[in-house]
Full PDB file with SEQRES, HELIX, SHEET, SSBOND, CRYST1, ORIGX, SCALE, CONECT and MASTER records, all heavy atoms in Angstrom:
SEQRES   1 A   42  ALA THR LEU GLU THR PHE MET VAL LEU PHE ASP ARG ASP          
SEQRES   2 A   42  GLY ASN VAL THR HIS GLY VAL VAL ILE ALA ARG ALA PRO          
SEQRES   3 A   42  ASP ASP ALA ARG ILE MET ALA ILE VAL PRO PRO GLU ASP          
SEQRES   4 A   42  ASN ALA THR                                                  
SHEET    1 AA1 3 THR A   2  PHE A  10  0                                        
SHEET    2 AA1 3 VAL A  16  ARG A  24 -1                                        
SHEET    3 AA1 3 ARG A  30  VAL A  35 -1                                        
CRYST1    1.000    1.000    1.000  90.00  90.00  90.00 P 1           1          
ORIGX1      1.000000  0.000000  0.000000        0.00000                         
ORIGX2      0.000000  1.000000  0.000000        0.00000                         
ORIGX3      0.000000  0.000000  1.000000        0.00000                         
SCALE1      1.000000  0.000000  0.000000        0.00000                         
SCALE2      0.000000  1.000000  0.000000        0.00000                         
SCALE3      0.000000  0.000000  1.000000        0.00000                         
ATOM      1  N   ALA A   1      42.450  13.677-117.752  1.00  0.00           N  
ATOM      2  CA  ALA A   1      41.189  14.406-117.888  1.00  0.00           C  
ATOM      3  C   ALA A   1      41.500  15.899-117.886  1.00  0.00           C  
ATOM      4  O   ALA A   1      42.283  16.373-117.068  1.00  0.00           O  
ATOM      5  CB  ALA A   1      40.239  14.051-116.749  1.00  0.00           C  
ATOM      6  N   THR A   2      40.895  16.620-118.819  1.00  0.00           N  
ATOM      7  CA  THR A   2      41.147  18.049-118.996  1.00  0.00           C  
ATOM      8  C   THR A   2      40.039  18.862-118.331  1.00  0.00           C  
ATOM      9  O   THR A   2      38.852  18.640-118.590  1.00  0.00           O  
ATOM     10  CB  THR A   2      41.234  18.384-120.495  1.00  0.00           C  
ATOM     11  OG1 THR A   2      42.254  17.575-121.075  1.00  0.00           O  
ATOM     12  CG2 THR A   2      41.559  19.840-120.718  1.00  0.00           C  
ATOM     13  N   LEU A   3      40.430  19.823-117.519  1.00  0.00           N  
ATOM     14  CA  LEU A   3      39.507  20.638-116.735  1.00  0.00           C  
ATOM     15  C   LEU A   3      38.629  21.509-117.622  1.00  0.00           C  
ATOM     16  O   LEU A   3      39.126  22.244-118.471  1.00  0.00           O  
ATOM     17  CB  LEU A   3      40.307  21.520-115.773  1.00  0.00           C  
ATOM     18  CG  LEU A   3      39.509  22.363-114.796  1.00  0.00           C  
ATOM     19  CD1 LEU A   3      38.739  21.486-113.823  1.00  0.00           C  
ATOM     20  CD2 LEU A   3      40.433  23.296-114.045  1.00  0.00           C  
ATOM     21  N   GLU A   4      37.312  21.423-117.419  1.00  0.00           N  
ATOM     22  CA  GLU A   4      36.345  22.286-118.114  1.00  0.00           C  
ATOM     23  C   GLU A   4      35.882  23.429-117.213  1.00  0.00           C  
ATOM     24  O   GLU A   4      35.805  24.564-117.641  1.00  0.00           O  
ATOM     25  CB  GLU A   4      35.103  21.482-118.515  1.00  0.00           C  
ATOM     26  CG  GLU A   4      35.183  20.839-119.840  1.00  0.00           C  
ATOM     27  CD  GLU A   4      33.833  20.302-120.274  1.00  0.00           C  
ATOM     28  OE1 GLU A   4      33.109  19.672-119.488  1.00  0.00           O  
ATOM     29  OE2 GLU A   4      33.511  20.518-121.445  1.00  0.00           O  
ATOM     30  N   THR A   5      35.524  23.093-115.988  1.00  0.00           N  
ATOM     31  CA  THR A   5      35.091  24.104-115.028  1.00  0.00           C  
ATOM     32  C   THR A   5      35.262  23.525-113.622  1.00  0.00           C  
ATOM     33  O   THR A   5      35.506  22.334-113.464  1.00  0.00           O  
ATOM     34  CB  THR A   5      33.633  24.553-115.285  1.00  0.00           C  
ATOM     35  OG1 THR A   5      33.347  25.708-114.488  1.00  0.00           O  
ATOM     36  CG2 THR A   5      32.638  23.451-114.978  1.00  0.00           C  
ATOM     37  N   PHE A   6      35.121  24.380-112.615  1.00  0.00           N  
ATOM     38  CA  PHE A   6      35.403  23.925-111.255  1.00  0.00           C  
ATOM     39  C   PHE A   6      34.787  24.877-110.243  1.00  0.00           C  
ATOM     40  O   PHE A   6      34.350  25.978-110.577  1.00  0.00           O  
ATOM     41  CB  PHE A   6      36.915  23.876-111.017  1.00  0.00           C  
ATOM     42  CG  PHE A   6      37.548  25.241-111.004  1.00  0.00           C  
ATOM     43  CD1 PHE A   6      37.757  25.910-109.808  1.00  0.00           C  
ATOM     44  CD2 PHE A   6      37.888  25.874-112.188  1.00  0.00           C  
ATOM     45  CE1 PHE A   6      38.306  27.184-109.794  1.00  0.00           C  
ATOM     46  CE2 PHE A   6      38.445  27.142-112.187  1.00  0.00           C  
ATOM     47  CZ  PHE A   6      38.656  27.793-110.989  1.00  0.00           C  
ATOM     48  N   MET A   7      34.789  24.439-108.993  1.00  0.00           N  
ATOM     49  CA  MET A   7      34.485  25.308-107.862  1.00  0.00           C  
ATOM     50  C   MET A   7      35.247  24.788-106.658  1.00  0.00           C  
ATOM     51  O   MET A   7      35.577  23.606-106.580  1.00  0.00           O  
ATOM     52  CB  MET A   7      32.994  25.399-107.579  1.00  0.00           C  
ATOM     53  CG  MET A   7      32.362  24.155-107.109  1.00  0.00           C  
ATOM     54  SD  MET A   7      30.609  24.481-106.795  1.00  0.00           S  
ATOM     55  CE  MET A   7      29.992  22.821-106.805  1.00  0.00           C  
ATOM     56  N   VAL A   8      35.563  25.692-105.753  1.00  0.00           N  
ATOM     57  CA  VAL A   8      36.215  25.339-104.501  1.00  0.00           C  
ATOM     58  C   VAL A   8      35.256  25.730-103.392  1.00  0.00           C  
ATOM     59  O   VAL A   8      34.754  26.855-103.377  1.00  0.00           O  
ATOM     60  CB  VAL A   8      37.576  26.057-104.350  1.00  0.00           C  
ATOM     61  CG1 VAL A   8      38.209  25.727-103.011  1.00  0.00           C  
ATOM     62  CG2 VAL A   8      38.514  25.669-105.493  1.00  0.00           C  
ATOM     63  N   LEU A   9      34.985  24.816-102.483  1.00  0.00           N  
ATOM     64  CA  LEU A   9      34.041  25.067-101.402  1.00  0.00           C  
ATOM     65  C   LEU A   9      34.787  25.332-100.105  1.00  0.00           C  
ATOM     66  O   LEU A   9      35.824  24.724 -99.847  1.00  0.00           O  
ATOM     67  CB  LEU A   9      33.103  23.876-101.238  1.00  0.00           C  
ATOM     68  CG  LEU A   9      32.171  23.713-102.444  1.00  0.00           C  
ATOM     69  CD1 LEU A   9      32.695  22.635-103.348  1.00  0.00           C  
ATOM     70  CD2 LEU A   9      30.785  23.419-101.987  1.00  0.00           C  
ATOM     71  N   PHE A  10      34.220  26.220 -99.298  1.00  0.00           N  
ATOM     72  CA  PHE A  10      34.821  26.646 -98.039  1.00  0.00           C  
ATOM     73  C   PHE A  10      33.823  26.459 -96.910  1.00  0.00           C  
ATOM     74  O   PHE A  10      32.609  26.546 -97.119  1.00  0.00           O  
ATOM     75  CB  PHE A  10      35.197  28.133 -98.106  1.00  0.00           C  
ATOM     76  CG  PHE A  10      36.215  28.445 -99.168  1.00  0.00           C  
ATOM     77  CD1 PHE A  10      35.841  28.639-100.479  1.00  0.00           C  
ATOM     78  CD2 PHE A  10      37.557  28.540 -98.848  1.00  0.00           C  
ATOM     79  CE1 PHE A  10      36.777  28.928-101.465  1.00  0.00           C  
ATOM     80  CE2 PHE A  10      38.514  28.827 -99.813  1.00  0.00           C  
ATOM     81  CZ  PHE A  10      38.115  29.019-101.123  1.00  0.00           C  
ATOM     82  N   ASP A  11      34.338  26.256 -95.701  1.00  0.00           N  
ATOM     83  CA  ASP A  11      33.454  26.210 -94.545  1.00  0.00           C  
ATOM     84  C   ASP A  11      33.224  27.633 -94.026  1.00  0.00           C  
ATOM     85  O   ASP A  11      33.753  28.603 -94.577  1.00  0.00           O  
ATOM     86  CB  ASP A  11      34.000  25.270 -93.460  1.00  0.00           C  
ATOM     87  CG  ASP A  11      35.316  25.738 -92.842  1.00  0.00           C  
ATOM     88  OD1 ASP A  11      35.681  26.929 -92.965  1.00  0.00           O  
ATOM     89  OD2 ASP A  11      35.992  24.894 -92.215  1.00  0.00           O  
ATOM     90  N   ARG A  12      32.462  27.771 -92.973  1.00  0.00           N  
ATOM     91  CA  ARG A  12      32.121  29.097 -92.439  1.00  0.00           C  
ATOM     92  C   ARG A  12      33.326  29.874 -91.925  1.00  0.00           C  
ATOM     93  O   ARG A  12      33.290  31.089 -91.829  1.00  0.00           O  
ATOM     94  CB  ARG A  12      31.088  28.960 -91.325  1.00  0.00           C  
ATOM     95  CG  ARG A  12      29.744  28.518 -91.833  1.00  0.00           C  
ATOM     96  CD  ARG A  12      28.736  28.491 -90.697  1.00  0.00           C  
ATOM     97  NE  ARG A  12      27.472  27.999 -91.159  1.00  0.00           N  
ATOM     98  CZ  ARG A  12      26.477  28.763 -91.580  1.00  0.00           C  
ATOM     99  NH1 ARG A  12      26.622  30.061 -91.599  1.00  0.00           N  
ATOM    100  NH2 ARG A  12      25.350  28.233 -91.982  1.00  0.00           N  
ATOM    101  N   ASP A  13      34.394  29.168 -91.599  1.00  0.00           N  
ATOM    102  CA  ASP A  13      35.603  29.831 -91.104  1.00  0.00           C  
ATOM    103  C   ASP A  13      36.571  30.191 -92.217  1.00  0.00           C  
ATOM    104  O   ASP A  13      37.664  30.704 -91.959  1.00  0.00           O  
ATOM    105  CB  ASP A  13      36.308  28.934 -90.081  1.00  0.00           C  
ATOM    106  CG  ASP A  13      35.453  28.697 -88.848  1.00  0.00           C  
ATOM    107  OD1 ASP A  13      34.748  29.640 -88.428  1.00  0.00           O  
ATOM    108  OD2 ASP A  13      35.480  27.572 -88.321  1.00  0.00           O  
ATOM    109  N   GLY A  14      36.191  29.912 -93.473  1.00  0.00           N  
ATOM    110  CA  GLY A  14      37.052  30.251 -94.596  1.00  0.00           C  
ATOM    111  C   GLY A  14      38.060  29.192 -94.968  1.00  0.00           C  
ATOM    112  O   GLY A  14      38.941  29.435 -95.792  1.00  0.00           O  
ATOM    113  N   ASN A  15      37.935  28.007 -94.391  1.00  0.00           N  
ATOM    114  CA  ASN A  15      38.846  26.899 -94.715  1.00  0.00           C  
ATOM    115  C   ASN A  15      38.291  26.102 -95.883  1.00  0.00           C  
ATOM    116  O   ASN A  15      37.081  25.852 -95.965  1.00  0.00           O  
ATOM    117  CB  ASN A  15      39.021  25.969 -93.515  1.00  0.00           C  
ATOM    118  CG  ASN A  15      39.561  26.721 -92.314  1.00  0.00           C  
ATOM    119  OD1 ASN A  15      40.561  27.409 -92.415  1.00  0.00           O  
ATOM    120  ND2 ASN A  15      38.889  26.588 -91.181  1.00  0.00           N  
ATOM    121  N   VAL A  16      39.172  25.672 -96.772  1.00  0.00           N  
ATOM    122  CA  VAL A  16      38.745  24.865 -97.922  1.00  0.00           C  
ATOM    123  C   VAL A  16      38.238  23.514 -97.435  1.00  0.00           C  
ATOM    124  O   VAL A  16      38.898  22.846 -96.634  1.00  0.00           O  
ATOM    125  CB  VAL A  16      39.917  24.661 -98.901  1.00  0.00           C  
ATOM    126  CG1 VAL A  16      39.537  23.690-100.004  1.00  0.00           C  
ATOM    127  CG2 VAL A  16      40.355  25.983 -99.492  1.00  0.00           C  
ATOM    128  N   THR A  17      37.045  23.121 -97.894  1.00  0.00           N  
ATOM    129  CA  THR A  17      36.531  21.786 -97.578  1.00  0.00           C  
ATOM    130  C   THR A  17      36.892  20.796 -98.679  1.00  0.00           C  
ATOM    131  O   THR A  17      37.227  19.661 -98.399  1.00  0.00           O  
ATOM    132  CB  THR A  17      35.013  21.784 -97.348  1.00  0.00           C  
ATOM    133  OG1 THR A  17      34.356  22.205 -98.543  1.00  0.00           O  
ATOM    134  CG2 THR A  17      34.637  22.678 -96.181  1.00  0.00           C  
ATOM    135  N   HIS A  18      36.829  21.241 -99.943  1.00  0.00           N  
ATOM    136  CA  HIS A  18      37.223  20.419-101.085  1.00  0.00           C  
ATOM    137  C   HIS A  18      36.956  21.197-102.368  1.00  0.00           C  
ATOM    138  O   HIS A  18      36.342  22.259-102.348  1.00  0.00           O  
ATOM    139  CB  HIS A  18      36.487  19.076-101.104  1.00  0.00           C  
ATOM    140  CG  HIS A  18      35.004  19.189-101.274  1.00  0.00           C  
ATOM    141  ND1 HIS A  18      34.157  19.607-100.272  1.00  0.00           N  
ATOM    142  CD2 HIS A  18      34.221  18.952-102.341  1.00  0.00           C  
ATOM    143  CE1 HIS A  18      32.909  19.602-100.709  1.00  0.00           C  
ATOM    144  NE2 HIS A  18      32.916  19.217-101.975  1.00  0.00           N  
ATOM    145  N   GLY A  19      37.398  20.646-103.464  1.00  0.00           N  
ATOM    146  CA  GLY A  19      37.103  21.201-104.781  1.00  0.00           C  
ATOM    147  C   GLY A  19      36.225  20.234-105.557  1.00  0.00           C  
ATOM    148  O   GLY A  19      36.191  19.035-105.256  1.00  0.00           O  
ATOM    149  N   VAL A  20      35.520  20.757-106.535  1.00  0.00           N  
ATOM    150  CA  VAL A  20      34.722  19.936-107.446  1.00  0.00           C  
ATOM    151  C   VAL A  20      35.088  20.371-108.851  1.00  0.00           C  
ATOM    152  O   VAL A  20      35.100  21.571-109.146  1.00  0.00           O  
ATOM    153  CB  VAL A  20      33.208  20.135-107.215  1.00  0.00           C  
ATOM    154  CG1 VAL A  20      32.400  19.324-108.218  1.00  0.00           C  
ATOM    155  CG2 VAL A  20      32.821  19.764-105.791  1.00  0.00           C  
ATOM    156  N   VAL A  21      35.401  19.416-109.716  1.00  0.00           N  
ATOM    157  CA  VAL A  21      35.761  19.742-111.088  1.00  0.00           C  
ATOM    158  C   VAL A  21      34.877  18.974-112.057  1.00  0.00           C  
ATOM    159  O   VAL A  21      34.401  17.884-111.769  1.00  0.00           O  
ATOM    160  CB  VAL A  21      37.247  19.437-111.399  1.00  0.00           C  
ATOM    161  CG1 VAL A  21      38.171  20.187-110.471  1.00  0.00           C  
ATOM    162  CG2 VAL A  21      37.543  17.962-111.350  1.00  0.00           C  
ATOM    163  N   ILE A  22      34.654  19.600-113.197  1.00  0.00           N  
ATOM    164  CA  ILE A  22      34.049  18.940-114.349  1.00  0.00           C  
ATOM    165  C   ILE A  22      35.168  18.873-115.378  1.00  0.00           C  
ATOM    166  O   ILE A  22      35.799  19.892-115.676  1.00  0.00           O  
ATOM    167  CB  ILE A  22      32.847  19.722-114.911  1.00  0.00           C  
ATOM    168  CG1 ILE A  22      31.794  19.985-113.825  1.00  0.00           C  
ATOM    169  CG2 ILE A  22      32.252  19.002-116.113  1.00  0.00           C  
ATOM    170  CD1 ILE A  22      31.128  18.757-113.255  1.00  0.00           C  
ATOM    171  N   ALA A  23      35.432  17.683-115.880  1.00  0.00           N  
ATOM    172  CA  ALA A  23      36.563  17.499-116.791  1.00  0.00           C  
ATOM    173  C   ALA A  23      36.152  16.586-117.938  1.00  0.00           C  
ATOM    174  O   ALA A  23      35.128  15.909-117.874  1.00  0.00           O  
ATOM    175  CB  ALA A  23      37.755  16.909-116.033  1.00  0.00           C  
ATOM    176  N   ARG A  24      36.978  16.588-118.982  1.00  0.00           N  
ATOM    177  CA  ARG A  24      36.752  15.732-120.145  1.00  0.00           C  
ATOM    178  C   ARG A  24      37.839  14.673-120.236  1.00  0.00           C  
ATOM    179  O   ARG A  24      39.026  14.971-120.132  1.00  0.00           O  
ATOM    180  CB  ARG A  24      36.786  16.544-121.432  1.00  0.00           C  
ATOM    181  CG  ARG A  24      35.633  17.483-121.628  1.00  0.00           C  
ATOM    182  CD  ARG A  24      34.370  16.741-122.085  1.00  0.00           C  
ATOM    183  NE  ARG A  24      33.351  17.703-122.407  1.00  0.00           N  
ATOM    184  CZ  ARG A  24      33.006  18.043-123.642  1.00  0.00           C  
ATOM    185  NH1 ARG A  24      33.580  17.477-124.675  1.00  0.00           N  
ATOM    186  NH2 ARG A  24      32.082  18.952-123.841  1.00  0.00           N  
ATOM    187  N   ALA A  25      37.408  13.444-120.454  1.00  0.00           N  
ATOM    188  CA  ALA A  25      38.316  12.321-120.698  1.00  0.00           C  
ATOM    189  C   ALA A  25      38.796  12.405-122.148  1.00  0.00           C  
ATOM    190  O   ALA A  25      38.201  13.120-122.959  1.00  0.00           O  
ATOM    191  CB  ALA A  25      37.584  11.008-120.439  1.00  0.00           C  
ATOM    192  N   PRO A  26      39.853  11.685-122.507  1.00  0.00           N  
ATOM    193  CA  PRO A  26      40.354  11.732-123.883  1.00  0.00           C  
ATOM    194  C   PRO A  26      39.322  11.346-124.943  1.00  0.00           C  
ATOM    195  O   PRO A  26      39.383  11.820-126.069  1.00  0.00           O  
ATOM    196  CB  PRO A  26      41.519  10.730-123.878  1.00  0.00           C  
ATOM    197  CG  PRO A  26      41.994  10.730-122.469  1.00  0.00           C  
ATOM    198  CD  PRO A  26      40.744  10.902-121.647  1.00  0.00           C  
ATOM    199  N   ASP A  27      38.350  10.502-124.588  1.00  0.00           N  
ATOM    200  CA  ASP A  27      37.313  10.118-125.551  1.00  0.00           C  
ATOM    201  C   ASP A  27      36.140  11.100-125.558  1.00  0.00           C  
ATOM    202  O   ASP A  27      35.096  10.831-126.128  1.00  0.00           O  
ATOM    203  CB  ASP A  27      36.819   8.703-125.287  1.00  0.00           C  
ATOM    204  CG  ASP A  27      36.100   8.567-123.950  1.00  0.00           C  
ATOM    205  OD1 ASP A  27      36.054   9.542-123.167  1.00  0.00           O  
ATOM    206  OD2 ASP A  27      35.596   7.462-123.670  1.00  0.00           O  
ATOM    207  N   ASP A  28      36.318  12.257-124.926  1.00  0.00           N  
ATOM    208  CA  ASP A  28      35.355  13.366-124.868  1.00  0.00           C  
ATOM    209  C   ASP A  28      34.219  13.144-123.866  1.00  0.00           C  
ATOM    210  O   ASP A  28      33.322  13.960-123.767  1.00  0.00           O  
ATOM    211  CB  ASP A  28      34.795  13.688-126.252  1.00  0.00           C  
ATOM    212  CG  ASP A  28      34.474  15.163-126.399  1.00  0.00           C  
ATOM    213  OD1 ASP A  28      35.191  15.982-125.799  1.00  0.00           O  
ATOM    214  OD2 ASP A  28      33.493  15.507-127.099  1.00  0.00           O  
ATOM    215  N   ALA A  29      34.233  12.043-123.120  1.00  0.00           N  
ATOM    216  CA  ALA A  29      33.227  11.850-122.075  1.00  0.00           C  
ATOM    217  C   ALA A  29      33.485  12.859-120.957  1.00  0.00           C  
ATOM    218  O   ALA A  29      34.608  13.299-120.738  1.00  0.00           O  
ATOM    219  CB  ALA A  29      33.300  10.431-121.519  1.00  0.00           C  
ATOM    220  N   ARG A  30      32.428  13.238-120.285  1.00  0.00           N  
ATOM    221  CA  ARG A  30      32.521  14.228-119.197  1.00  0.00           C  
ATOM    222  C   ARG A  30      32.492  13.497-117.863  1.00  0.00           C  
ATOM    223  O   ARG A  30      31.739  12.551-117.676  1.00  0.00           O  
ATOM    224  CB  ARG A  30      31.345  15.191-119.305  1.00  0.00           C  
ATOM    225  CG  ARG A  30      31.379  16.321-118.336  1.00  0.00           C  
ATOM    226  CD  ARG A  30      30.303  17.331-118.654  1.00  0.00           C  
ATOM    227  NE  ARG A  30      30.786  18.229-119.688  1.00  0.00           N  
ATOM    228  CZ  ARG A  30      30.000  18.899-120.523  1.00  0.00           C  
ATOM    229  NH1 ARG A  30      28.701  18.759-120.478  1.00  0.00           N  
ATOM    230  NH2 ARG A  30      30.511  19.709-121.421  1.00  0.00           N  
ATOM    231  N   ILE A  31      33.316  13.980-116.931  1.00  0.00           N  
ATOM    232  CA  ILE A  31      33.335  13.410-115.582  1.00  0.00           C  
ATOM    233  C   ILE A  31      33.202  14.535-114.559  1.00  0.00           C  
ATOM    234  O   ILE A  31      33.542  15.688-114.843  1.00  0.00           O  
ATOM    235  CB  ILE A  31      34.621  12.610-115.297  1.00  0.00           C  
ATOM    236  CG1 ILE A  31      35.860  13.510-115.349  1.00  0.00           C  
ATOM    237  CG2 ILE A  31      34.760  11.438-116.245  1.00  0.00           C  
ATOM    238  CD1 ILE A  31      37.121  12.875-114.805  1.00  0.00           C  
ATOM    239  N   MET A  32      32.690  14.189-113.399  1.00  0.00           N  
ATOM    240  CA  MET A  32      32.683  15.101-112.271  1.00  0.00           C  
ATOM    241  C   MET A  32      33.537  14.448-111.197  1.00  0.00           C  
ATOM    242  O   MET A  32      33.395  13.257-110.925  1.00  0.00           O  
ATOM    243  CB  MET A  32      31.276  15.342-111.743  1.00  0.00           C  
ATOM    244  CG  MET A  32      31.254  16.337-110.600  1.00  0.00           C  
ATOM    245  SD  MET A  32      29.618  17.005-110.238  1.00  0.00           S  
ATOM    246  CE  MET A  32      28.851  15.644-109.418  1.00  0.00           C  
ATOM    247  N   ALA A  33      34.449  15.228-110.628  1.00  0.00           N  
ATOM    248  CA  ALA A  33      35.391  14.664-109.657  1.00  0.00           C  
ATOM    249  C   ALA A  33      35.602  15.629-108.502  1.00  0.00           C  
ATOM    250  O   ALA A  33      35.318  16.819-108.608  1.00  0.00           O  
ATOM    251  CB  ALA A  33      36.727  14.380-110.349  1.00  0.00           C  
ATOM    252  N   ILE A  34      36.126  15.090-107.413  1.00  0.00           N  
ATOM    253  CA  ILE A  34      36.459  15.925-106.266  1.00  0.00           C  
ATOM    254  C   ILE A  34      37.964  16.174-106.230  1.00  0.00           C  
ATOM    255  O   ILE A  34      38.749  15.419-106.805  1.00  0.00           O  
ATOM    256  CB  ILE A  34      36.014  15.293-104.929  1.00  0.00           C  
ATOM    257  CG1 ILE A  34      36.781  13.990-104.670  1.00  0.00           C  
ATOM    258  CG2 ILE A  34      34.517  15.071-104.904  1.00  0.00           C  
ATOM    259  CD1 ILE A  34      36.728  13.543-103.224  1.00  0.00           C  
ATOM    260  N   VAL A  35      38.326  17.254-105.574  1.00  0.00           N  
ATOM    261  CA  VAL A  35      39.721  17.520-105.221  1.00  0.00           C  
ATOM    262  C   VAL A  35      39.731  17.530-103.696  1.00  0.00           C  
ATOM    263  O   VAL A  35      39.113  18.399-103.075  1.00  0.00           O  
ATOM    264  CB  VAL A  35      40.211  18.872-105.776  1.00  0.00           C  
ATOM    265  CG1 VAL A  35      41.637  19.145-105.323  1.00  0.00           C  
ATOM    266  CG2 VAL A  35      40.103  18.900-107.295  1.00  0.00           C  
ATOM    267  N   PRO A  36      40.381  16.562-103.073  1.00  0.00           N  
ATOM    268  CA  PRO A  36      40.358  16.492-101.615  1.00  0.00           C  
ATOM    269  C   PRO A  36      41.072  17.684-100.979  1.00  0.00           C  
ATOM    270  O   PRO A  36      41.968  18.279-101.584  1.00  0.00           O  
ATOM    271  CB  PRO A  36      41.090  15.190-101.288  1.00  0.00           C  
ATOM    272  CG  PRO A  36      41.509  14.579-102.567  1.00  0.00           C  
ATOM    273  CD  PRO A  36      41.119  15.476-103.687  1.00  0.00           C  
ATOM    274  N   PRO A  37      40.695  18.050 -99.757  1.00  0.00           N  
ATOM    275  CA  PRO A  37      41.286  19.231 -99.117  1.00  0.00           C  
ATOM    276  C   PRO A  37      42.785  19.114 -98.870  1.00  0.00           C  
ATOM    277  O   PRO A  37      43.476  20.125 -98.771  1.00  0.00           O  
ATOM    278  CB  PRO A  37      40.519  19.345 -97.803  1.00  0.00           C  
ATOM    279  CG  PRO A  37      39.929  18.002 -97.558  1.00  0.00           C  
ATOM    280  CD  PRO A  37      39.708  17.384 -98.905  1.00  0.00           C  
ATOM    281  N   GLU A  38      43.313  17.901 -98.813  1.00  0.00           N  
ATOM    282  CA  GLU A  38      44.755  17.749 -98.586  1.00  0.00           C  
ATOM    283  C   GLU A  38      45.584  17.911 -99.865  1.00  0.00           C  
ATOM    284  O   GLU A  38      46.810  17.958 -99.805  1.00  0.00           O  
ATOM    285  CB  GLU A  38      45.062  16.407 -97.913  1.00  0.00           C  
ATOM    286  CG  GLU A  38      44.622  15.193 -98.676  1.00  0.00           C  
ATOM    287  CD  GLU A  38      43.176  14.771 -98.409  1.00  0.00           C  
ATOM    288  OE1 GLU A  38      42.434  15.467 -97.695  1.00  0.00           O  
ATOM    289  OE2 GLU A  38      42.797  13.710 -98.929  1.00  0.00           O  
ATOM    290  N   ASP A  39      44.941  18.028-101.037  1.00  0.00           N  
ATOM    291  CA  ASP A  39      45.670  18.223-102.293  1.00  0.00           C  
ATOM    292  C   ASP A  39      45.936  19.722-102.480  1.00  0.00           C  
ATOM    293  O   ASP A  39      45.306  20.399-103.289  1.00  0.00           O  
ATOM    294  CB  ASP A  39      44.892  17.642-103.466  1.00  0.00           C  
ATOM    295  CG  ASP A  39      45.669  17.676-104.771  1.00  0.00           C  
ATOM    296  OD1 ASP A  39      46.746  18.317-104.822  1.00  0.00           O  
ATOM    297  OD2 ASP A  39      45.200  17.075-105.749  1.00  0.00           O  
ATOM    298  N   ASN A  40      46.878  20.226-101.713  1.00  0.00           N  
ATOM    299  CA  ASN A  40      47.168  21.662-101.704  1.00  0.00           C  
ATOM    300  C   ASN A  40      47.604  22.199-103.059  1.00  0.00           C  
ATOM    301  O   ASN A  40      47.245  23.315-103.438  1.00  0.00           O  
ATOM    302  CB  ASN A  40      48.238  21.981-100.653  1.00  0.00           C  
ATOM    303  CG  ASN A  40      47.737  21.695 -99.256  1.00  0.00           C  
ATOM    304  OD1 ASN A  40      46.577  21.930 -98.949  1.00  0.00           O  
ATOM    305  ND2 ASN A  40      48.603  21.166 -98.412  1.00  0.00           N  
ATOM    306  N   ALA A  41      48.381  21.432-103.817  1.00  0.00           N  
ATOM    307  CA  ALA A  41      48.884  21.907-105.109  1.00  0.00           C  
ATOM    308  C   ALA A  41      47.747  22.101-106.104  1.00  0.00           C  
ATOM    309  O   ALA A  41      47.685  23.127-106.800  1.00  0.00           O  
ATOM    310  CB  ALA A  41      49.917  20.930-105.665  1.00  0.00           C  
ATOM    311  N   THR A  42      46.825  21.147-106.174  1.00  0.00           N  
ATOM    312  CA  THR A  42      45.698  21.270-107.109  1.00  0.00           C  
ATOM    313  C   THR A  42      44.773  22.400-106.685  1.00  0.00           C  
ATOM    314  O   THR A  42      44.326  23.192-107.516  1.00  0.00           O  
ATOM    315  CB  THR A  42      44.934  19.945-107.219  1.00  0.00           C  
ATOM    316  OG1 THR A  42      45.832  18.948-107.723  1.00  0.00           O  
ATOM    317  CG2 THR A  42      43.749  20.063-108.149  1.00  0.00           C  
TER     318      THR A  42                                                      
MASTER        0    0    0    0    3    0    0    6  317    1    0    4          
END                                                                             
C-alpha cells in the first residue's frame, strides 16, 4: 500500500500514541490504517 497522507498523534506529554495513514492498494482502493507506537522505524 502506497502512502497518500498521514498524521502522528501525541499525548499531552509529547509522547507518540500512534500514527494514522491513508494509503492506496495496488488496485487503487483506499485504506486507512494505524501505525502502532512501537513501530519506531515507520
